[in-house]
Amino acid sequence: MFAAVGRLKVKYAAMTIVAGTRFGPYEIRAAAAVTGLGELYAARDHDQQRDVAFRVLRVDVAATPGRLARFERESHAAARLEHPNLLRIYDIGTDAEAAYVVSEPIAGRTLDDLLRSGPLPPATVSRYMVDLASGLAAAHSHGIVHRDLTPANILVTAEGVARIVGLGLASATQRASVLADGHPLGALSYMTPEQIQGATVGPHSDMFAFGAIAYEMLTGTRAFGGGTLETISAVTAVQIGRG
């Protein structure tokens, strides 16, 4: 565990940690992004003399004992994974102010960015899906479920390799909640009907998202789109249809 320098107030809608803040050997260099589970920063590991990605969980996640325990358990499990299609986790830390994950620097473009230009060539889709399937198989074999697999959580490197990010940020046994402080905890267009309804998730949840992402790469449109209520209705209809 490392103590943070300065008081942190992690919120959903704003980057709150200033450059120069230290968490033990980690120095925050710049803000990168806000996600549903917290904030992402570029940082420097002074012990290892390397650049890292530093993700801080939202304060309501870090302050809830049960959720924090699940985060620590699954993050440590994810950190033991070494796979070319999974972003490598270096370290996990918690203190009175924050819970965080330190990983490889996030290099490349997200699949979400690539899809803004429209559908991808079938050969490219096939290659990416093989990469994603390989990464998911490795995670699932260790009891780790991503639970928030979306194009925004998939990186494509300069070499054209698809890599999954965000493992360890959601417990394999956690009951899903569609909204957390008014914000989707997972992207609705990629969530299973069971997940939207608050049921326990499993590997099938990732595979549902896997299929939705494949559809989007091939067509350029989401399998389940529209507004919040429309998306929930469309996804839930899948469960009714298969019942």
Protein backbone atom coordinates (compact mmCIF):
# COMPACT_ATOMS: atom_id res chain seq x y z
CA MET A 1 0.00 0.00 0.00
CA PHE A 2 1.12 3.51 -0.70
CA ALA A 3 -0.01 6.77 0.88
CA ALA A 4 -1.12 9.52 -1.45
CA VAL A 5 0.27 13.01 -1.21
CA GLY A 6 -2.55 15.52 -0.99
CA ARG A 7 -6.25 14.89 -0.53
CA LEU A 8 -8.07 13.09 -3.36
CA LYS A 9 -11.71 13.56 -4.19
CA VAL A 10 -12.33 11.20 -7.08
CA LYS A 11 -15.49 12.07 -8.98
CA TYR A 12 -17.08 10.68 -12.11
CA ALA A 13 -17.15 13.84 -14.20
CA ALA A 14 -13.79 15.52 -13.62
CA MET A 15 -10.10 14.72 -13.48
CA THR A 16 -9.12 15.63 -9.94
CA ILE A 17 -5.49 14.58 -9.37
CA VAL A 18 -2.93 17.18 -10.34
CA ALA A 19 0.40 16.48 -12.04
CA GLY A 20 3.16 15.86 -9.53
CA THR A 21 0.96 13.97 -7.04
CA ARG A 22 2.82 10.93 -5.69
CA PHE A 23 1.58 7.48 -4.71
CA GLY A 24 4.73 5.90 -3.33
CA PRO A 25 7.03 5.52 -6.37
CA TYR A 26 4.32 6.60 -8.82
CA GLU A 27 4.19 10.20 -9.97
CA ILE A 28 1.16 11.48 -11.86
CA ARG A 29 2.27 13.13 -15.09
CA ALA A 30 -0.96 13.93 -16.97
CA ALA A 31 -4.68 13.23 -17.08
CA ALA A 32 -5.78 10.76 -19.74
CA ALA A 33 -9.48 9.92 -19.47
CA VAL A 34 -12.54 9.59 -17.25
CA THR A 35 -14.29 6.20 -17.29
CA GLY A 36 -17.29 4.72 -15.54
CA LEU A 37 -15.09 3.22 -12.83
CA GLY A 38 -12.74 6.14 -12.24
CA GLU A 39 -9.97 8.21 -13.70
CA LEU A 40 -7.02 7.28 -15.89
CA TYR A 41 -3.64 9.06 -15.77
CA ALA A 42 -0.24 8.81 -17.40
CA ALA A 43 2.35 8.33 -14.66
CA ARG A 44 5.99 7.48 -13.98
CA ASP A 45 7.24 4.59 -11.85
CA HIS A 46 10.43 5.97 -10.34
CA ASP A 47 11.45 2.64 -8.79
CA GLN A 48 11.37 0.80 -12.12
CA GLN A 49 12.20 3.86 -14.24
CA ARG A 50 9.30 3.28 -16.62
CA ASP A 51 6.14 5.00 -17.78
CA VAL A 52 2.87 3.45 -16.60
CA ALA A 53 -0.87 3.90 -16.81
CA PHE A 54 -2.39 4.79 -13.43
CA ARG A 55 -6.12 4.21 -12.92
CA VAL A 56 -7.87 5.46 -9.78
CA LEU A 57 -11.25 3.97 -8.90
CA ARG A 58 -14.26 6.13 -8.14
CA VAL A 59 -14.52 7.00 -4.47
CA ASP A 60 -17.81 5.12 -4.00
CA VAL A 61 -16.11 1.94 -5.23
CA ALA A 62 -13.05 2.42 -3.06
CA ALA A 63 -15.09 3.33 0.03
CA THR A 64 -17.37 0.27 -0.03
CA PRO A 65 -15.67 -2.60 1.87
CA GLY A 66 -17.31 -5.41 -0.10
CA ARG A 67 -16.61 -3.85 -3.48
CA LEU A 68 -13.08 -2.92 -2.46
CA ALA A 69 -12.36 -6.48 -1.30
CA ARG A 70 -13.61 -7.84 -4.62
CA PHE A 71 -11.52 -5.29 -6.50
CA GLU A 72 -8.37 -6.32 -4.62
CA ARG A 73 -9.03 -10.05 -5.06
CA GLU A 74 -9.67 -9.93 -8.79
CA SER A 75 -7.02 -7.31 -9.53
CA HIS A 76 -4.36 -9.48 -7.90
CA ALA A 77 -5.59 -12.44 -9.96
CA ALA A 78 -5.48 -10.35 -13.14
CA ALA A 79 -1.97 -9.17 -12.29
CA ARG A 80 -0.75 -12.77 -12.48
CA LEU A 81 -1.86 -13.04 -16.09
CA GLU A 82 0.68 -12.55 -18.86
CA HIS A 83 -0.91 -12.72 -22.28
CA PRO A 84 -0.23 -10.82 -25.51
CA ASN A 85 -3.89 -9.84 -25.84
CA LEU A 86 -4.31 -8.54 -22.28
CA LEU A 87 -2.88 -5.30 -20.96
CA ARG A 88 -0.38 -6.25 -18.24
CA ILE A 89 -1.12 -5.12 -14.68
CA TYR A 90 1.98 -4.21 -12.68
CA ASP A 91 0.61 -3.26 -9.27
CA ILE A 92 -2.53 -2.74 -7.20
CA GLY A 93 -2.72 -0.37 -4.26
CA THR A 94 -5.22 0.96 -1.72
CA ASP A 95 -5.11 3.52 1.05
CA ALA A 96 -7.52 5.70 3.00
CA GLU A 97 -8.08 7.95 0.01
CA ALA A 98 -8.05 5.79 -3.10
CA ALA A 99 -7.77 2.40 -4.75
CA TYR A 100 -5.71 2.17 -7.91
CA VAL A 101 -4.32 -0.12 -10.61
CA VAL A 102 -0.94 0.39 -12.29
CA SER A 103 -0.49 -1.14 -15.73
CA GLU A 104 1.49 -0.97 -18.92
CA PRO A 105 1.24 2.38 -20.69
CA ILE A 106 -1.83 2.49 -22.87
CA ALA A 107 -0.46 2.75 -26.40
CA GLY A 108 -2.45 2.51 -29.60
CA ARG A 109 -5.95 3.50 -30.67
CA THR A 110 -9.11 2.19 -29.09
CA LEU A 111 -11.43 0.10 -31.21
CA ASP A 112 -14.05 2.71 -30.43
CA ASP A 113 -11.92 5.31 -32.22
CA LEU A 114 -11.39 3.04 -35.23
CA LEU A 115 -15.11 2.38 -35.58
CA ARG A 116 -15.87 6.08 -35.92
CA SER A 117 -14.77 5.72 -39.55
CA GLY A 118 -17.25 2.92 -40.22
CA PRO A 119 -17.10 -0.88 -40.51
CA LEU A 120 -13.80 -2.71 -40.73
CA PRO A 121 -12.67 -5.13 -43.47
CA PRO A 122 -13.78 -8.72 -42.72
CA ALA A 123 -10.17 -9.95 -42.61
CA THR A 124 -9.35 -7.31 -39.99
CA VAL A 125 -12.44 -8.21 -37.97
CA SER A 126 -11.46 -11.87 -38.05
CA ARG A 127 -7.96 -11.07 -36.79
CA TYR A 128 -9.22 -8.88 -33.97
CA MET A 129 -11.81 -11.44 -32.87
CA VAL A 130 -9.15 -14.16 -32.68
CA ASP A 131 -7.09 -11.83 -30.48
CA LEU A 132 -10.06 -11.02 -28.24
CA ALA A 133 -11.14 -14.65 -27.97
CA SER A 134 -7.62 -15.65 -26.96
CA GLY A 135 -7.44 -12.95 -24.29
CA LEU A 136 -10.87 -13.74 -22.90
CA ALA A 137 -10.11 -17.47 -22.79
CA ALA A 138 -7.00 -16.77 -20.72
CA ALA A 139 -8.94 -14.55 -18.31
CA HIS A 140 -11.89 -16.93 -17.97
CA SER A 141 -9.59 -19.88 -17.33
CA HIS A 142 -8.42 -18.01 -14.22
CA GLY A 143 -11.94 -17.17 -13.07
CA ILE A 144 -11.75 -13.55 -14.20
CA VAL A 145 -14.70 -11.95 -15.99
CA HIS A 146 -14.26 -8.53 -17.57
CA ARG A 147 -17.93 -7.50 -17.26
CA ASP A 148 -17.39 -4.23 -19.14
CA LEU A 149 -16.04 -5.37 -22.50
CA THR A 150 -16.69 -2.58 -25.02
CA PRO A 151 -14.81 -1.10 -28.00
CA ALA A 152 -13.51 1.59 -25.64
CA ASN A 153 -11.80 -1.13 -23.57
CA ILE A 154 -10.03 -2.67 -26.55
CA LEU A 155 -6.74 -1.27 -27.81
CA VAL A 156 -5.32 -1.86 -31.25
CA THR A 157 -1.55 -1.52 -31.36
CA ALA A 158 0.50 -0.07 -34.21
CA GLU A 159 1.19 -3.69 -35.24
CA GLY A 160 -2.54 -4.42 -35.52
CA VAL A 161 -2.87 -6.52 -32.37
CA ALA A 162 -6.08 -6.20 -30.33
CA ARG A 163 -5.56 -6.06 -26.56
CA ILE A 164 -8.14 -6.00 -23.78
CA VAL A 165 -7.83 -3.43 -21.00
CA GLY A 166 -9.71 -3.08 -17.72
CA LEU A 167 -9.37 -6.58 -16.25
CA GLY A 168 -9.47 -6.56 -12.48
CA LEU A 169 -11.82 -3.59 -12.24
CA ALA A 170 -15.01 -5.63 -11.89
CA SER A 171 -15.49 -8.74 -9.80
CA ALA A 172 -16.51 -12.04 -11.36
CA THR A 173 -19.11 -12.49 -8.62
CA GLN A 174 -20.33 -8.93 -8.25
CA ARG A 175 -24.00 -8.32 -8.97
CA ALA A 176 -24.25 -5.77 -11.72
CA SER A 177 -26.02 -2.44 -11.39
CA VAL A 178 -27.04 -0.61 -14.52
CA LEU A 179 -26.62 2.79 -12.94
CA ALA A 180 -24.06 4.02 -10.43
CA ASP A 181 -24.64 7.61 -9.36
CA GLY A 182 -26.69 8.05 -12.52
CA HIS A 183 -24.01 6.67 -14.86
CA PRO A 184 -23.92 3.28 -16.58
CA LEU A 185 -21.52 0.94 -14.79
CA GLY A 186 -21.14 -0.98 -18.02
CA ALA A 187 -22.05 0.15 -21.53
CA LEU A 188 -25.68 -0.88 -22.03
CA SER A 189 -25.22 -1.83 -25.68
CA TYR A 190 -22.84 -4.63 -24.67
CA MET A 191 -24.50 -5.88 -21.48
CA THR A 192 -26.46 -9.13 -21.23
CA PRO A 193 -30.14 -9.02 -20.22
CA GLU A 194 -29.19 -10.68 -16.93
CA GLN A 195 -26.56 -8.03 -16.25
CA ILE A 196 -28.98 -5.18 -16.90
CA GLN A 197 -31.44 -6.81 -14.51
CA GLY A 198 -28.81 -7.06 -11.77
CA ALA A 199 -28.09 -10.80 -11.92
CA THR A 200 -24.71 -12.35 -11.23
CA VAL A 201 -22.47 -12.24 -14.29
CA GLY A 202 -20.13 -14.87 -15.70
CA PRO A 203 -18.07 -15.69 -18.81
CA HIS A 204 -21.28 -15.66 -20.86
CA SER A 205 -21.52 -11.92 -20.17
CA ASP A 206 -18.20 -11.31 -21.90
CA MET A 207 -19.19 -13.56 -24.79
CA PHE A 208 -22.42 -11.59 -25.30
CA ALA A 209 -20.31 -8.42 -25.55
CA PHE A 210 -17.87 -10.27 -27.81
CA GLY A 211 -20.68 -10.99 -30.27
CA ALA A 212 -22.03 -7.44 -30.10
CA ILE A 213 -18.57 -6.05 -30.83
CA ALA A 214 -18.11 -8.41 -33.79
CA TYR A 215 -21.44 -7.23 -35.23
CA GLU A 216 -20.42 -3.59 -34.81
CA MET A 217 -17.04 -4.10 -36.47
CA LEU A 218 -18.67 -5.77 -39.48
CA THR A 219 -21.61 -3.40 -39.91
CA GLY A 220 -20.43 -0.11 -38.42
CA THR A 221 -23.55 0.07 -36.24
CA ARG A 222 -24.32 -1.20 -32.75
CA ALA A 223 -26.32 -4.37 -32.39
CA PHE A 224 -28.27 -2.64 -29.61
CA GLY A 225 -28.38 1.14 -29.97
CA GLY A 226 -30.58 4.15 -29.35
CA GLY A 227 -31.44 5.84 -26.08
CA THR A 228 -31.14 4.24 -22.67
CA LEU A 229 -34.70 2.87 -22.47
CA GLU A 230 -34.66 1.75 -26.10
CA THR A 231 -31.38 -0.10 -25.59
CA ILE A 232 -32.58 -1.78 -22.40
CA SER A 233 -35.76 -2.87 -24.19
CA ALA A 234 -33.82 -4.26 -27.17
CA VAL A 235 -31.35 -6.21 -25.02
CA THR A 236 -34.06 -7.55 -22.73
CA ALA A 237 -35.99 -8.75 -25.78
CA VAL A 238 -33.09 -11.09 -26.50
CA GLN A 239 -33.78 -12.87 -23.22
CA ILE A 240 -37.51 -13.05 -23.97
CA GLY A 241 -36.82 -14.36 -27.46
CA ARG A 242 -34.56 -17.15 -26.28
CA GLY A 243 -36.87 -18.10 -23.41
